[in-house]
Amino acid sequence: MATSIPEKPAATVSADEADSLRAQIFQRLHPRTYLERFLTENVRPDGRNFGEWRDVHVNVGSISTADGSALVRMGNTTIVCGVKAEIAEPELDSPDDGFLVPNLDLPAICSPKFKPGPPSEEAQILSDKLNESLIASGLISLSSLCIHPGRAVWTLYVDATCINYDGNVFDAALLAMVTALKNATLPVASFDEESGRVTCSRKNRSSLQLQAARIPFSASFGIVEASRPCVLSDPTSFEEPLLDTTLSVITDARGELISVSELGVDGGTGEQSILAQCIPEAKKRRAQIQKYL
């Protein structure tokens, strides 16, 4: 007796799934319009309000082979940073000064927007910006890295790597670098003038001489010129390409302003009012993340 095999029912899509699929297609085809429709409702695509920051998580000392390390998560953006110290000869015109060499790597693994190969332009720009911020803050005196004037100094390589890119990498990288420097220790070193060599202790180590009051904190904002200027705190990777202006406000541990950097179109007549809005918010953000240090 022949038996019939029942036909497999066709896959059905619920109304919610269909709406979600249409929204994803619209987001890909018309990202600016998609964002602006959210902003008209005073909300952002990830559900945050304009001034809401993502959660921050910090893990310190997780890289045993580094002289100092930290891992920072800001939302889904994840940065790991390690400090490695090497002995070098100082510059002739600065015989008492060591070297601080920060660098940010944005590998292809962290986001589809980056390709394998040499450092991207964005990575180079951010590395320069991080270097300027650390130097301007006065967090560490380069003279404190001197082992023997004119003969030997410490070079601190502060290498940060983005593991997952979801926007606002600068804020996360600066926090990771500062935390790694605070975690770093150096072996006690002495210079023998007769042999011209530096001897380092394997057991005795000392912390870096950091200026606690000058620890820099960055708070970045994105400005979208829609029906009205919208200031978005802590922009995501979806929002960043759609921003008209990006503003980074750096303050120290006392809440004093260190620097302000702006990238994008001229803010026009509303630029001063936007800046006046961002600076107090940056100080509030500093108070939120200062506990991690």
Foldseek 3Di string as FASTA:
>chain_A
DDDDDDDDDDDDDDPVRVVVVVLVVCCVVPVLVSQVVQVVVQAGPVGHGQLDFFDKDKDWDPDVVALTWMWMQGPNWIKIKGKHKDKDFDDPVFQQFEAEQEFEAEACQQDVVDDDDDGDPVRVVLSVVLVVLVVLLPFAGRSLQGQDGRQIGMHIYIYMYINHAWAPVSQRSLVGSLRRLQGGKAFNWHADPVVSDIDGDPPDIGHGDTDQQSRKGKWKWFWAPDVHTGIHTGHTPSCVVRGQKMKIWIAGPVLHTRDIDMDHDDPPPCPVVVVVVVSVSRSVVCVVCVVVD
